[in-house]
């Protein structure tokens, strides 16, 4: 597996690396996203609108960490400029935090401050791929937006000092990259990943492009590394989020219901949820996200974002 930290990112473009995991006892969850050219940054969006030429994505980088569990929710996402970012084939350093790949384990060293109430998230997350793939999927006809499911089957170990937290569970790693702003290519999407009983991972990806037909991907990743495309099951509507009324949809086996077990994030344009569904003949719990780029593009939404996404200017 090559995480591709050193890949060039075009001016105005982006790359991100996404990790999520749920503890074996079901009590805790974590999501970590490392951004080059942070796609949801109001500062990057402002620069694209007001700068002559496309802005430098290395000037808009961040590590997003979200913790979910019995102790409550913590969220950190501080944006930093290129002077705080260092990329190589094996590592990506953003401010005091870093991702390091040693050929067998991805180690995420976290040292971040939460918002809106300041506290610390400090410690390490280690991801051990059980299966990896080098396949790359274009999400649009022009191949301007690409998705790489790097390690869809993985084990994750969480060891934090602030807050004191230690657990392990099934995890997932992927990467997205694009040559232009995400909202230029898509109206939105629904995505989910679910661990299956045999150790495989099922991923559903439904994208709504601004031009052309909707695209639905349904993939099963085997722990041995095999990738199986399967027919996308029927669409299932989920209830909108309670606060911001973000629409949510998923897919599931015909004749079986799906429900939201927990809403992790309810924002004006994005929802992250834990969904109970039936997929490939078995009940599953899926980490699910719904993204409305129509909402994100609204100026009033971007005006709210600095409260959740502060920036270090110096």
Protein backbone atom coordinates (compact mmCIF):
# COMPACT_ATOMS: atom_id res chain seq x y z
CA UNK A 1 0.00 0.00 0.00
CA UNK A 2 1.28 3.44 -0.93
CA UNK A 3 -0.63 6.21 0.89
CA UNK A 4 0.61 8.79 -1.63
CA UNK A 5 1.39 11.57 0.83
CA UNK A 6 3.86 13.01 -1.68
CA UNK A 7 1.38 13.18 -4.56
CA UNK A 8 1.20 16.58 -6.25
CA UNK A 9 -2.00 18.51 -5.62
CA UNK A 10 -2.93 21.01 -8.31
CA UNK A 11 -3.65 24.65 -7.40
CA UNK A 12 -7.29 24.83 -6.36
CA UNK A 13 -7.38 21.04 -5.86
CA UNK A 14 -7.32 18.79 -2.83
CA UNK A 15 -6.28 15.48 -1.29
CA UNK A 16 -7.39 13.86 1.93
CA UNK A 17 -6.78 10.67 3.92
CA UNK A 18 -9.69 9.33 5.94
CA UNK A 19 -9.61 6.85 8.85
CA UNK A 20 -12.54 5.65 10.89
CA UNK A 21 -12.94 2.91 13.49
CA UNK A 22 -15.50 1.54 15.92
CA UNK A 23 -14.48 -0.22 19.14
CA UNK A 24 -15.20 -3.92 19.47
CA UNK A 25 -17.57 -3.26 22.38
CA UNK A 26 -19.49 -0.66 20.36
CA UNK A 27 -18.95 2.08 22.95
CA UNK A 28 -16.44 4.26 21.12
CA UNK A 29 -15.67 5.60 17.67
CA UNK A 30 -13.08 7.81 16.03
CA UNK A 31 -12.65 9.58 12.71
CA UNK A 32 -9.41 11.20 11.54
CA UNK A 33 -9.09 13.13 8.27
CA UNK A 34 -5.87 14.75 7.05
CA UNK A 35 -6.50 17.46 4.44
CA UNK A 36 -4.26 19.08 1.87
CA UNK A 37 -6.40 21.79 0.32
CA UNK A 38 -9.14 21.38 2.91
CA UNK A 39 -12.29 20.91 0.84
CA UNK A 40 -14.59 22.27 3.55
CA UNK A 41 -12.40 25.24 4.49
CA UNK A 42 -14.22 28.60 4.30
CA UNK A 43 -10.79 30.24 3.90
CA UNK A 44 -9.90 28.08 0.89
CA UNK A 45 -13.33 28.71 -0.63
CA UNK A 46 -12.85 32.47 -0.15
CA UNK A 47 -9.40 32.30 -1.78
CA UNK A 48 -10.80 30.42 -4.80
CA UNK A 49 -13.40 33.15 -5.28
CA UNK A 50 -11.14 36.15 -4.73
CA UNK A 51 -7.58 35.23 -5.70
CA UNK A 52 -6.23 35.75 -9.21
CA UNK A 53 -5.42 32.22 -10.32
CA UNK A 54 -6.03 29.09 -8.29
CA UNK A 55 -4.74 29.19 -4.68
CA UNK A 56 -2.03 26.92 -3.26
CA UNK A 57 -3.67 23.92 -1.52
CA UNK A 58 -0.67 23.55 0.83
CA UNK A 59 -1.71 26.85 2.39
CA UNK A 60 -5.02 25.26 3.54
CA UNK A 61 -4.23 22.05 5.44
CA UNK A 62 -5.73 20.54 8.57
CA UNK A 63 -6.07 17.41 10.67
CA UNK A 64 -9.64 16.73 11.74
CA UNK A 65 -10.13 14.44 14.74
CA UNK A 66 -13.56 13.46 16.06
CA UNK A 67 -14.14 11.23 19.10
CA UNK A 68 -17.47 9.62 19.96
CA UNK A 69 -18.29 7.61 23.05
CA UNK A 70 -19.71 7.38 26.52
CA UNK A 71 -17.49 10.27 27.63
CA UNK A 72 -19.09 12.58 25.09
CA UNK A 73 -17.97 13.99 21.75
CA UNK A 74 -14.78 15.90 20.98
CA UNK A 75 -13.96 17.68 17.74
CA UNK A 76 -10.73 19.29 16.54
CA UNK A 77 -10.02 20.87 13.15
CA UNK A 78 -7.40 23.63 13.07
CA UNK A 79 -6.32 24.85 9.66
CA UNK A 80 -2.66 25.69 9.00
CA UNK A 81 -0.54 27.19 6.22
CA UNK A 82 2.24 25.65 4.16
CA UNK A 83 4.94 26.65 6.67
CA UNK A 84 3.40 24.06 9.06
CA UNK A 85 3.08 21.25 6.48
CA UNK A 86 5.73 18.71 5.46
CA UNK A 87 5.08 15.89 2.97
CA UNK A 88 7.19 12.87 2.01
CA UNK A 89 6.55 9.41 0.62
CA UNK A 90 6.13 7.99 4.12
CA UNK A 91 4.78 10.87 6.20
CA UNK A 92 2.48 13.86 6.29
CA UNK A 93 3.02 16.40 9.08
CA UNK A 94 0.44 19.10 9.72
CA UNK A 95 1.36 21.35 12.63
CA UNK A 96 2.06 19.27 15.76
CA UNK A 97 0.30 16.17 14.37
CA UNK A 98 1.53 13.65 11.80
CA UNK A 99 0.68 10.53 9.82
CA UNK A 100 3.55 8.06 9.29
CA UNK A 101 3.56 4.89 7.16
CA UNK A 102 6.33 2.34 7.89
CA UNK A 103 5.30 -0.25 5.30
CA UNK A 104 2.96 -2.20 7.59
CA UNK A 105 1.32 0.25 10.00
CA UNK A 106 -0.09 3.75 9.67
CA UNK A 107 0.63 5.68 12.88
CA UNK A 108 -1.27 8.91 13.52
CA UNK A 109 0.32 11.09 16.19
CA UNK A 110 -2.31 13.55 17.40
CA UNK A 111 -1.77 16.82 19.28
CA UNK A 112 -4.82 19.00 18.65
CA UNK A 113 -7.06 21.46 20.48
CA UNK A 114 -10.82 21.00 20.36
CA UNK A 115 -13.53 23.53 19.50
CA UNK A 116 -15.78 25.18 20.46
CA UNK A 117 -14.75 24.40 24.05
CA UNK A 118 -10.94 24.13 24.21
CA UNK A 119 -9.49 20.87 25.45
CA UNK A 120 -6.79 18.55 24.15
CA UNK A 121 -6.73 15.43 22.01
CA UNK A 122 -3.29 13.88 22.39
CA UNK A 123 -2.04 10.38 21.71
CA UNK A 124 -1.65 7.84 18.92
CA UNK A 125 -3.86 5.87 16.59
CA UNK A 126 -2.37 2.88 14.79
CA UNK A 127 -4.01 1.30 11.76
CA UNK A 128 -2.92 -2.20 10.69
CA UNK A 129 -4.25 -3.08 7.21
CA UNK A 130 -5.69 -6.59 6.90
CA UNK A 131 -6.27 -5.98 3.20
CA UNK A 132 -5.12 -3.22 0.91
CA UNK A 133 -5.70 -2.33 -2.71
CA UNK A 134 -4.14 -0.04 -5.27
CA UNK A 135 -7.38 0.37 -7.24
CA UNK A 136 -8.40 3.93 -8.02
CA UNK A 137 -11.99 4.84 -8.91
CA UNK A 138 -12.96 7.95 -10.85
CA UNK A 139 -16.01 9.58 -9.31
CA UNK A 140 -16.75 11.74 -12.36
CA UNK A 141 -16.60 11.34 -16.12
CA UNK A 142 -13.63 13.71 -16.51
CA UNK A 143 -11.64 11.86 -13.78
CA UNK A 144 -11.11 15.13 -11.95
CA UNK A 145 -12.17 13.49 -8.66
CA UNK A 146 -10.71 10.14 -7.59
CA UNK A 147 -11.19 7.72 -4.69
CA UNK A 148 -8.68 5.13 -3.46
CA UNK A 149 -9.87 2.57 -0.85
CA UNK A 150 -6.34 2.04 0.52
CA UNK A 151 -7.08 -0.30 3.43
CA UNK A 152 -10.80 -1.09 3.57
CA UNK A 153 -10.20 -3.94 6.04
CA UNK A 154 -8.08 -2.98 9.02
CA UNK A 155 -7.60 -3.15 12.77
CA UNK A 156 -7.20 0.09 14.67
CA UNK A 157 -5.65 0.71 18.09
CA UNK A 158 -6.46 3.96 19.89
CA UNK A 159 -4.17 5.07 22.74
CA UNK A 160 -4.85 8.62 23.94
CA UNK A 161 -3.49 10.45 26.97
CA UNK A 162 -5.87 13.42 26.62
CA UNK A 163 -8.56 12.27 27.14
CA UNK A 164 -7.46 9.00 28.69
CA UNK A 165 -8.79 6.46 26.26
CA UNK A 166 -7.64 3.07 25.03
CA UNK A 167 -9.52 0.67 22.77
CA UNK A 168 -9.30 -1.30 19.53
CA UNK A 169 -11.70 -2.30 16.78
CA UNK A 170 -12.40 -2.69 13.10
CA UNK A 171 -11.24 0.23 10.98
CA UNK A 172 -10.98 1.63 7.49
CA UNK A 173 -8.63 3.86 5.47
CA UNK A 174 -9.18 5.57 2.13
CA UNK A 175 -8.05 8.63 0.20
CA UNK A 176 -9.69 11.13 -2.13
CA UNK A 177 -8.03 13.57 -4.50
CA UNK A 178 -9.27 16.13 -6.98
CA UNK A 179 -8.00 18.71 -9.42
CA UNK A 180 -10.77 21.26 -8.81
CA UNK A 181 -13.04 22.20 -5.92
CA UNK A 182 -15.34 19.41 -4.76
CA UNK A 183 -18.46 21.57 -5.08
CA UNK A 184 -17.63 22.26 -8.73
CA UNK A 185 -18.04 18.59 -9.57
CA UNK A 186 -20.85 17.36 -7.33
CA UNK A 187 -24.17 18.31 -5.81
CA UNK A 188 -23.49 15.79 -3.04
CA UNK A 189 -23.15 12.12 -2.15
CA UNK A 190 -23.98 9.34 0.29
CA UNK A 191 -21.22 6.95 1.37
CA UNK A 192 -20.99 4.11 3.87
CA UNK A 193 -18.71 1.29 4.93
CA UNK A 194 -19.71 -1.78 6.93
CA UNK A 195 -17.66 -4.63 8.39
CA UNK A 196 -19.07 -8.06 7.47
CA UNK A 197 -18.97 -11.24 9.53
CA UNK A 198 -16.16 -12.86 7.52
CA UNK A 199 -13.85 -9.87 7.94
CA UNK A 200 -14.74 -8.32 4.58
CA UNK A 201 -15.83 -4.72 4.19
CA UNK A 202 -18.72 -3.52 2.04
CA UNK A 203 -18.59 0.03 0.69
CA UNK A 204 -21.46 1.90 -0.95
CA UNK A 205 -20.76 5.17 -2.77
CA UNK A 206 -23.59 7.14 -4.39
CA UNK A 207 -22.48 10.37 -6.06
CA UNK A 208 -24.65 13.06 -7.62
CA UNK A 209 -22.56 14.96 -10.20
CA UNK A 210 -23.43 18.43 -11.41
CA UNK A 211 -23.34 17.08 -14.97
CA UNK A 212 -24.23 13.60 -16.16
CA UNK A 213 -25.87 10.66 -14.46
CA UNK A 214 -25.74 9.61 -10.84
CA UNK A 215 -23.12 6.98 -10.13
CA UNK A 216 -23.50 4.13 -7.64
CA UNK A 217 -20.56 1.97 -6.55
CA UNK A 218 -21.06 -1.20 -4.52
CA UNK A 219 -17.86 -3.03 -3.57
CA UNK A 220 -16.90 -5.87 -1.28
CA UNK A 221 -13.28 -5.96 -0.11
CA UNK A 222 -12.04 -9.36 1.04
CA UNK A 223 -9.34 -9.66 3.76
CA UNK A 224 -7.18 -11.49 1.20
CA UNK A 225 -7.18 -8.36 -0.96
CA UNK A 226 -9.77 -9.39 -3.57
CA UNK A 227 -12.28 -6.76 -4.66
CA UNK A 228 -15.77 -7.77 -5.79
CA UNK A 229 -18.16 -5.38 -7.53
CA UNK A 230 -21.77 -6.26 -6.74
CA UNK A 231 -25.09 -4.92 -7.97
CA UNK A 232 -26.06 -1.88 -5.88
CA UNK A 233 -29.05 -2.89 -3.74
CA UNK A 234 -32.21 -0.77 -3.66
CA UNK A 235 -32.08 2.75 -2.27
CA UNK A 236 -33.44 3.28 1.25
CA UNK A 237 -34.45 6.67 2.61
CA UNK A 238 -33.28 7.58 6.10
CA UNK A 239 -34.72 10.38 8.24
CA UNK A 240 -33.19 13.83 7.84
CA UNK A 241 -30.92 15.02 10.61
CA UNK A 242 -32.76 16.56 13.54
CA UNK A 243 -31.11 20.01 13.68
CA UNK A 244 -30.03 20.93 10.14
CA UNK A 245 -32.38 18.61 8.23
CA UNK A 246 -29.64 17.18 6.02
CA UNK A 247 -31.15 14.48 3.76
CA UNK A 248 -29.74 10.97 4.22
CA UNK A 249 -30.05 7.91 1.99
CA UNK A 250 -28.42 4.51 1.90
CA UNK A 251 -28.88 1.13 0.19
CA UNK A 252 -29.84 -2.26 1.56
CA UNK A 253 -31.10 -5.71 0.68
CA UNK A 254 -34.62 -5.70 -0.76
CA UNK A 255 -37.34 -6.21 1.83
CA UNK A 256 -35.19 -5.07 4.77
CA UNK A 257 -35.41 -1.78 6.64
CA UNK A 258 -32.56 0.53 7.56
CA UNK A 259 -32.41 2.92 10.50
CA UNK A 260 -30.15 5.50 12.07
CA UNK A 261 -28.73 4.19 15.34
CA UNK A 262 -26.82 7.35 16.16
CA UNK A 263 -26.06 10.67 14.52
CA UNK A 264 -22.43 11.57 15.16
CA UNK A 265 -22.36 14.87 13.26
CA UNK A 266 -25.30 17.10 12.35
CA UNK A 267 -23.99 20.16 10.49
CA UNK A 268 -25.54 22.52 7.91
CA UNK A 269 -24.12 20.52 4.99
CA UNK A 270 -22.80 17.21 6.32
CA UNK A 271 -24.01 14.32 8.47
CA UNK A 272 -22.06 11.38 9.86
CA UNK A 273 -24.15 8.56 11.31
CA UNK A 274 -24.14 4.99 12.52
CA UNK A 275 -26.71 3.11 10.44
CA UNK A 276 -28.25 -0.31 10.95
CA UNK A 277 -29.04 -2.05 7.66
CA UNK A 278 -29.09 -5.39 5.86
CA UNK A 279 -26.44 -5.92 3.21
CA UNK A 280 -25.20 -8.93 1.24
CA UNK A 281 -27.53 -11.19 3.18
CA UNK A 282 -26.56 -10.14 6.70
CA UNK A 283 -27.34 -7.41 9.24
CA UNK A 284 -24.65 -4.72 9.43
CA UNK A 285 -23.72 -1.56 11.29
CA UNK A 286 -22.35 0.99 8.86
CA UNK A 287 -20.45 4.24 9.29
CA UNK A 288 -22.42 6.51 6.96
CA UNK A 289 -22.01 10.03 5.63
CA UNK A 290 -24.28 12.34 3.68
CA UNK A 291 -22.79 15.42 2.03
CA UNK A 292 -24.72 18.32 0.49
CA UNK A 293 -22.36 20.46 -1.54
CA UNK A 294 -25.32 22.59 -2.57
CA UNK A 295 -25.58 23.57 1.09
CA UNK A 296 -21.82 23.99 1.51
CA UNK A 297 -21.67 26.48 -1.37
CA UNK A 298 -24.10 28.83 0.40
CA UNK A 299 -22.33 31.92 1.72
CA UNK A 300 -24.27 31.82 5.01
CA UNK A 301 -23.07 28.26 5.65
CA UNK A 302 -19.45 29.20 5.02
CA UNK A 303 -19.84 32.16 7.37
CA UNK A 304 -20.62 29.69 10.19
CA UNK A 305 -17.69 27.38 9.57
CA UNK A 306 -14.85 29.31 11.28
CA UNK A 307 -16.49 28.48 14.62
CA UNK A 308 -15.78 24.78 13.93
CA UNK A 309 -12.66 25.31 11.78
CA UNK A 310 -10.32 27.90 13.31
CA UNK A 311 -7.15 28.85 11.45
CA UNK A 312 -3.60 29.53 12.63
CA UNK A 313 -2.52 32.51 10.52
CA UNK A 314 1.05 32.95 11.70
